[in-house]
PDB file of N, CA and C in Angstrom:
ATOM      1  N   MET A   1      68.563 -29.097  28.066  1.00  0.00           N
ATOM      2  CA  MET A   1      68.109 -29.423  26.855  1.00  0.00           C
ATOM      3  C   MET A   1      67.702 -28.153  25.533  1.00  0.00           C
ATOM      4  N   ALA A   2      66.883 -27.931  27.021  1.00  0.00           N
ATOM      5  CA  ALA A   2      65.619 -27.066  25.543  1.00  0.00           C
ATOM      6  C   ALA A   2      65.977 -25.647  25.484  1.00  0.00           C
ATOM      7  N   ALA A   3      66.796 -25.555  26.419  1.00  0.00           N
ATOM      8  CA  ALA A   3      68.591 -24.546  26.189  1.00  0.00           C
ATOM      9  C   ALA A   3      68.833 -24.208  25.314  1.00  0.00           C
ATOM     10  N   ASN A   4      69.452 -25.230  24.820  1.00  0.00           N
ATOM     11  CA  ASN A   4      70.842 -25.699  23.430  1.00  0.00           C
ATOM     12  C   ASN A   4      69.970 -25.612  22.833  1.00  0.00           C
ATOM     13  N   LEU A   5      68.282 -26.671  22.311  1.00  0.00           N
ATOM     14  CA  LEU A   5      67.911 -25.618  22.144  1.00  0.00           C
ATOM     15  C   LEU A   5      67.336 -24.713  21.103  1.00  0.00           C
ATOM     16  N   GLN A   6      66.934 -24.109  21.927  1.00  0.00           N
ATOM     17  CA  GLN A   6      65.838 -22.575  21.283  1.00  0.00           C
ATOM     18  C   GLN A   6      67.767 -21.766  21.399  1.00  0.00           C
ATOM     19  N   GLN A   7      69.006 -21.989  21.838  1.00  0.00           N
ATOM     20  CA  GLN A   7      70.481 -21.223  21.389  1.00  0.00           C
ATOM     21  C   GLN A   7      70.534 -21.321  20.049  1.00  0.00           C
ATOM     22  N   GLN A   8      70.214 -22.733  19.783  1.00  0.00           N
ATOM     23  CA  GLN A   8      70.262 -22.685  18.032  1.00  0.00           C
ATOM     24  C   GLN A   8      69.523 -22.484  17.286  1.00  0.00           C
ATOM     25  N   ARG A   9      68.682 -22.404  17.618  1.00  0.00           N
ATOM     26  CA  ARG A   9      67.223 -22.061  16.980  1.00  0.00           C
ATOM     27  C   ARG A   9      67.586 -20.312  16.358  1.00  0.00           C
ATOM     28  N   SER A  10      67.717 -19.504  17.996  1.00  0.00           N
ATOM     29  CA  SER A  10      68.305 -18.247  17.225  1.00  0.00           C
ATOM     30  C   SER A  10      69.102 -18.232  16.911  1.00  0.00           C
ATOM     31  N   ILE A  11      70.606 -18.994  16.601  1.00  0.00           N
ATOM     32  CA  ILE A  11      70.935 -18.352  15.771  1.00  0.00           C
ATOM     33  C   ILE A  11      70.701 -18.833  14.258  1.00  0.00           C
ATOM     34  N   ASN A  12      70.473 -19.929  14.848  1.00  0.00           N
ATOM     35  CA  ASN A  12      70.280 -20.182  12.622  1.00  0.00           C
ATOM     36  C   ASN A  12      69.485 -19.234  11.980  1.00  0.00           C
ATOM     37  N   LEU A  13      68.480 -18.377  12.985  1.00  0.00           N
ATOM     38  CA  LEU A  13      67.072 -17.014  12.814  1.00  0.00           C
ATOM     39  C   LEU A  13      69.046 -16.750  12.089  1.00  0.00           C
ATOM     40  N   GLN A  14      69.243 -16.153  13.242  1.00  0.00           N
ATOM     41  CA  GLN A  14      70.798 -15.000  12.874  1.00  0.00           C
ATOM     42  C   GLN A  14      71.203 -15.201  11.569  1.00  0.00           C
ATOM     43  N   LEU A  15      72.200 -15.752  11.552  1.00  0.00           N
ATOM     44  CA  LEU A  15      72.171 -16.274   9.750  1.00  0.00           C
ATOM     45  C   LEU A  15      71.760 -16.731   8.531  1.00  0.00           C
ATOM     46  N   ARG A  16      70.228 -16.801   9.201  1.00  0.00           N
ATOM     47  CA  ARG A  16      68.795 -16.593   7.876  1.00  0.00           C
ATOM     48  C   ARG A  16      68.950 -15.097   7.847  1.00  0.00           C
ATOM     49  N   ARG A  17      68.900 -14.459   8.199  1.00  0.00           N
ATOM     50  CA  ARG A  17      69.400 -12.616   8.784  1.00  0.00           C
ATOM     51  C   ARG A  17      70.807 -12.759   7.744  1.00  0.00           C
ATOM     52  N   GLU A  18      71.604 -12.430   7.620  1.00  0.00           N
ATOM     53  CA  GLU A  18      72.496 -12.721   7.693  1.00  0.00           C
ATOM     54  C   GLU A  18      73.153 -12.720   5.817  1.00  0.00           C
ATOM     55  N   VAL A  19      72.626 -13.722   5.932  1.00  0.00           N
ATOM     56  CA  VAL A  19      72.704 -14.745   4.786  1.00  0.00           C
ATOM     57  C   VAL A  19      72.404 -13.356   3.216  1.00  0.00           C
ATOM     58  N   GLU A  20      70.502 -12.623   3.307  1.00  0.00           N
ATOM     59  CA  GLU A  20      70.293 -11.488   2.614  1.00  0.00           C
ATOM     60  C   GLU A  20      70.670 -10.371   3.478  1.00  0.00           C
ATOM     61  N   ILE A  21      72.184  -9.736   2.944  1.00  0.00           N
ATOM     62  CA  ILE A  21      72.481  -8.771   4.105  1.00  0.00           C
ATOM     63  C   ILE A  21      73.949  -8.613   2.448  1.00  0.00           C
ATOM     64  N   GLU A  22      73.308  -7.541   1.197  1.00  0.00           N
ATOM     65  CA  GLU A  22      73.688  -7.243   0.368  1.00  0.00           C
ATOM     66  C   GLU A  22      75.067  -7.472   0.657  1.00  0.00           C
ATOM     67  N   ARG A  23      76.309  -7.821  -0.560  1.00  0.00           N
ATOM     68  CA  ARG A  23      77.427  -7.485   0.439  1.00  0.00           C
ATOM     69  C   ARG A  23      78.117  -7.016  -1.647  1.00  0.00           C
ATOM     70  N   MET A  24      79.432  -6.833  -0.981  1.00  0.00           N
ATOM     71  CA  MET A  24      80.478  -5.586  -2.471  1.00  0.00           C
ATOM     72  C   MET A  24      81.855  -6.380  -1.596  1.00  0.00           C
ATOM     73  N   PRO A  25      82.769  -6.235  -2.959  1.00  0.00           N
ATOM     74  CA  PRO A  25      84.233  -6.965  -2.662  1.00  0.00           C
ATOM     75  C   PRO A  25      85.202  -5.658  -1.427  1.00  0.00           C
ATOM     76  N   VAL A  26      85.947  -6.183  -1.251  1.00  0.00           N
ATOM     77  CA  VAL A  26      86.760  -4.727  -0.375  1.00  0.00           C
ATOM     78  C   VAL A  26      87.108  -3.816  -1.279  1.00  0.00           C
ATOM     79  N   SER A  27      87.661  -3.962  -2.432  1.00  0.00           N
ATOM     80  CA  SER A  27      88.178  -3.521  -3.314  1.00  0.00           C
ATOM     81  C   SER A  27      87.027  -1.854  -3.788  1.00  0.00           C
ATOM     82  N   GLU A  28      85.735  -2.261  -3.926  1.00  0.00           N
ATOM     83  CA  GLU A  28      85.085  -1.590  -4.232  1.00  0.00           C
ATOM     84  C   GLU A  28      83.982  -0.923  -3.036  1.00  0.00           C
ATOM     85  N   ALA A  29      84.352  -1.242  -2.192  1.00  0.00           N
ATOM     86  CA  ALA A  29      84.207  -0.660  -1.433  1.00  0.00           C
ATOM     87  C   ALA A  29      85.255   0.544  -1.319  1.00  0.00           C
ATOM     88  N   CYS A  30      86.395   0.693  -0.646  1.00  0.00           N
ATOM     89  CA  CYS A  30      87.423   1.398  -0.138  1.00  0.00           C
ATOM     90  C   CYS A  30      87.556   2.241  -1.406  1.00  0.00           C
ATOM     91  N   SER A  31      87.970   1.664  -2.496  1.00  0.00           N
ATOM     92  CA  SER A  31      87.059   2.240  -3.232  1.00  0.00           C
ATOM     93  C   SER A  31      86.431   4.170  -3.401  1.00  0.00           C
ATOM     94  N   LEU A  32      85.299   3.757  -3.569  1.00  0.00           N
ATOM     95  CA  LEU A  32      83.756   4.411  -3.023  1.00  0.00           C
ATOM     96  C   LEU A  32      83.979   5.287  -1.614  1.00  0.00           C
ATOM     97  N   MET A  33      84.943   4.929  -0.811  1.00  0.00           N
ATOM     98  CA  MET A  33      84.881   5.350   0.493  1.00  0.00           C
ATOM     99  C   MET A  33      86.440   5.909   0.202  1.00  0.00           C
ATOM    100  N   MET A  34      87.307   6.164  -1.059  1.00  0.00           N
ATOM    101  CA  MET A  34      88.389   7.252  -1.024  1.00  0.00           C
ATOM    102  C   MET A  34      87.660   8.172  -1.620  1.00  0.00           C
ATOM    103  N   LYS A  35      86.436   7.656  -2.497  1.00  0.00           N
ATOM    104  CA  LYS A  35      86.150   8.520  -4.020  1.00  0.00           C
ATOM    105  C   LYS A  35      85.182   9.844  -2.832  1.00  0.00           C
ATOM    106  N   TYR A  36      84.656   8.872  -1.561  1.00  0.00           N
ATOM    107  CA  TYR A  36      83.564  10.173  -1.179  1.00  0.00           C
ATOM    108  C   TYR A  36      84.265  10.870  -0.167  1.00  0.00           C
ATOM    109  N   MET A  37      85.704  10.292   0.192  1.00  0.00           N
ATOM    110  CA  MET A  37      86.719  11.167   1.225  1.00  0.00           C
ATOM    111  C   MET A  37      87.324  12.514   0.330  1.00  0.00           C
ATOM    112  N   LEU A  38      87.540  12.185  -0.998  1.00  0.00           N
ATOM    113  CA  LEU A  38      87.861  13.090  -1.536  1.00  0.00           C
ATOM    114  C   LEU A  38      87.002  14.379  -2.550  1.00  0.00           C
ATOM    115  N   GLU A  39      86.102  13.798  -2.022  1.00  0.00           N
ATOM    116  CA  GLU A  39      85.035  14.979  -3.193  1.00  0.00           C
ATOM    117  C   GLU A  39      84.311  15.454  -1.494  1.00  0.00           C
ATOM    118  N   HIS A  40      84.444  14.970  -0.210  1.00  0.00           N
ATOM    119  CA  HIS A  40      84.242  16.034   1.126  1.00  0.00           C
ATOM    120  C   HIS A  40      85.365  16.244   1.997  1.00  0.00           C
ATOM    121  N   GLU A  41      86.794  16.443   0.484  1.00  0.00           N
ATOM    122  CA  GLU A  41      87.752  17.057   1.139  1.00  0.00           C
ATOM    123  C   GLU A  41      87.226  18.651   2.186  1.00  0.00           C
ATOM    124  N   GLU A  42      87.340  19.418   1.261  1.00  0.00           N
ATOM    125  CA  GLU A  42      87.100  21.016   1.442  1.00  0.00           C
ATOM    126  C   GLU A  42      86.055  20.882   2.540  1.00  0.00           C
ATOM    127  N   GLU A  43      85.190  20.472   3.501  1.00  0.00           N
ATOM    128  CA  GLU A  43      84.743  19.762   4.397  1.00  0.00           C
ATOM    129  C   GLU A  43      84.598  19.234   5.759  1.00  0.00           C
ATOM    130  N   ASP A  44      85.851  19.006   5.493  1.00  0.00           N
ATOM    131  CA  ASP A  44      86.076  17.862   6.469  1.00  0.00           C
ATOM    132  C   ASP A  44      87.120  18.920   7.318  1.00  0.00           C
ATOM    133  N   CYS A  45      86.618  19.417   9.001  1.00  0.00           N
ATOM    134  CA  CYS A  45      87.599  20.168   9.691  1.00  0.00           C
ATOM    135  C   CYS A  45      89.275  19.900   9.614  1.00  0.00           C
ATOM    136  N   LEU A  46      89.844  17.966  10.285  1.00  0.00           N
ATOM    137  CA  LEU A  46      90.540  17.651   9.774  1.00  0.00           C
ATOM    138  C   LEU A  46      92.048  18.048   9.413  1.00  0.00           C
ATOM    139  N   LEU A  47      91.439  17.906   8.192  1.00  0.00           N
ATOM    140  CA  LEU A  47      92.468  18.646   7.211  1.00  0.00           C
ATOM    141  C   LEU A  47      92.202  20.040   6.876  1.00  0.00           C
ATOM    142  N   SER A  48      91.197  20.788   6.946  1.00  0.00           N
ATOM    143  CA  SER A  48      91.252  21.976   6.128  1.00  0.00           C
ATOM    144  C   SER A  48      91.807  23.173   7.708  1.00  0.00           C
ATOM    145  N   GLY A  49      90.913  22.758   9.008  1.00  0.00           N
ATOM    146  CA  GLY A  49      91.261  23.279  10.249  1.00  0.00           C
ATOM    147  C   GLY A  49      90.078  23.607  10.536  1.00  0.00           C
ATOM    148  N   PHE A  50      89.283  24.628  11.152  1.00  0.00           N
ATOM    149  CA  PHE A  50      88.274  25.626  11.886  1.00  0.00           C
ATOM    150  C   PHE A  50      88.500  26.685  11.436  1.00  0.00           C
ATOM    151  N   THR A  51      87.186  28.056  11.361  1.00  0.00           N
ATOM    152  CA  THR A  51      87.395  29.214  10.679  1.00  0.00           C
ATOM    153  C   THR A  51      86.798  29.689  12.560  1.00  0.00           C
ATOM    154  N   GLN A  52      87.327  30.880  12.358  1.00  0.00           N
ATOM    155  CA  GLN A  52      87.615  31.352  13.749  1.00  0.00           C
ATOM    156  C   GLN A  52      85.644  30.505  14.676  1.00  0.00           C
ATOM    157  N   LYS A  53      84.843  31.777  13.810  1.00  0.00           N
ATOM    158  CA  LYS A  53      83.809  31.596  14.094  1.00  0.00           C
ATOM    159  C   LYS A  53      82.599  30.842  14.289  1.00  0.00           C
ATOM    160  N   VAL A  54      83.611  29.414  13.223  1.00  0.00           N
ATOM    161  CA  VAL A  54      83.192  27.893  13.126  1.00  0.00           C
ATOM    162  C   VAL A  54      83.729  26.839  14.898  1.00  0.00           C
ATOM    163  N   ASN A  55      84.635  27.875  15.003  1.00  0.00           N
ATOM    164  CA  ASN A  55      85.427  26.232  15.976  1.00  0.00           C
ATOM    165  C   ASN A  55      84.563  26.681  17.733  1.00  0.00           C
ATOM    166  N   PRO A  56      84.100  25.273  17.348  1.00  0.00           N
ATOM    167  CA  PRO A  56      83.765  24.746  18.953  1.00  0.00           C
ATOM    168  C   PRO A  56      84.552  24.849  20.048  1.00  0.00           C
ATOM    169  N   PHE A  57      85.839  24.332  19.599  1.00  0.00           N
ATOM    170  CA  PHE A  57      86.973  24.750  21.106  1.00  0.00           C
ATOM    171  C   PHE A  57      87.525  25.384  21.210  1.00  0.00           C
ATOM    172  N   ARG A  58      87.275  26.956  21.190  1.00  0.00           N
ATOM    173  CA  ARG A  58      87.589  28.329  21.101  1.00  0.00           C
ATOM    174  C   ARG A  58      87.295  28.586  22.316  1.00  0.00           C
ATOM    175  N   GLU A  59      88.157  29.607  22.970  1.00  0.00           N
ATOM    176  CA  GLU A  59      88.063  29.871  23.702  1.00  0.00           C
ATOM    177  C   GLU A  59      86.991  30.583  24.109  1.00  0.00           C
ATOM    178  N   LYS A  60      86.251  30.752  25.575  1.00  0.00           N
ATOM    179  CA  LYS A  60      84.583  31.496  24.930  1.00  0.00           C
ATOM    180  C   LYS A  60      85.783  32.859  26.292  1.00  0.00           C
ATOM    181  N   SER A  61      85.168  34.196  25.077  1.00  0.00           N
ATOM    182  CA  SER A  61      86.024  35.125  25.906  1.00  0.00           C
ATOM    183  C   SER A  61      84.873  35.772  27.598  1.00  0.00           C
ATOM    184  N   SER A  62      85.382  36.035  28.832  1.00  0.00           N
ATOM    185  CA  SER A  62      85.040  36.547  29.431  1.00  0.00           C
ATOM    186  C   SER A  62      85.528  37.459  30.401  1.00  0.00           C
ATOM    187  N   CYS A  63      84.291  37.599  31.688  1.00  0.00           N
ATOM    188  CA  CYS A  63      83.277  38.892  31.589  1.00  0.00           C
ATOM    189  C   CYS A  63      84.277  39.627  32.582  1.00  0.00           C
ATOM    190  N   SER A  64      86.193  40.758  32.494  1.00  0.00           N
ATOM    191  CA  SER A  64      87.049  41.324  33.278  1.00  0.00           C
ATOM    192  C   SER A  64      87.174  42.386  34.304  1.00  0.00           C
ATOM    193  N   ILE A  65      85.768  42.270  34.072  1.00  0.00           N
ATOM    194  CA  ILE A  65      84.896  43.169  35.147  1.00  0.00           C
ATOM    195  C   ILE A  65      85.510  42.516  37.376  1.00  0.00           C
ATOM    196  N   LEU A  66      85.933  43.144  37.929  1.00  0.00           N
ATOM    197  CA  LEU A  66      86.583  42.605  39.207  1.00  0.00           C
ATOM    198  C   LEU A  66      85.367  43.437  40.042  1.00  0.00           C
TER     199      LEU A  66
END
């Protein structure tokens, strides 16, 4: 019984914390994300690709001495 009471208090405390979270409509959040993505699309390597100097996945040159 004490464990159940402690669990209910924990849930109550969590719900009190969540009430104070600032919320916004999904449509507004989506429009803000789209605006951010459009403003930063030049920096996105998935859209523009890597330059040869900055590409972290390019093969490293190895020594060819035998």
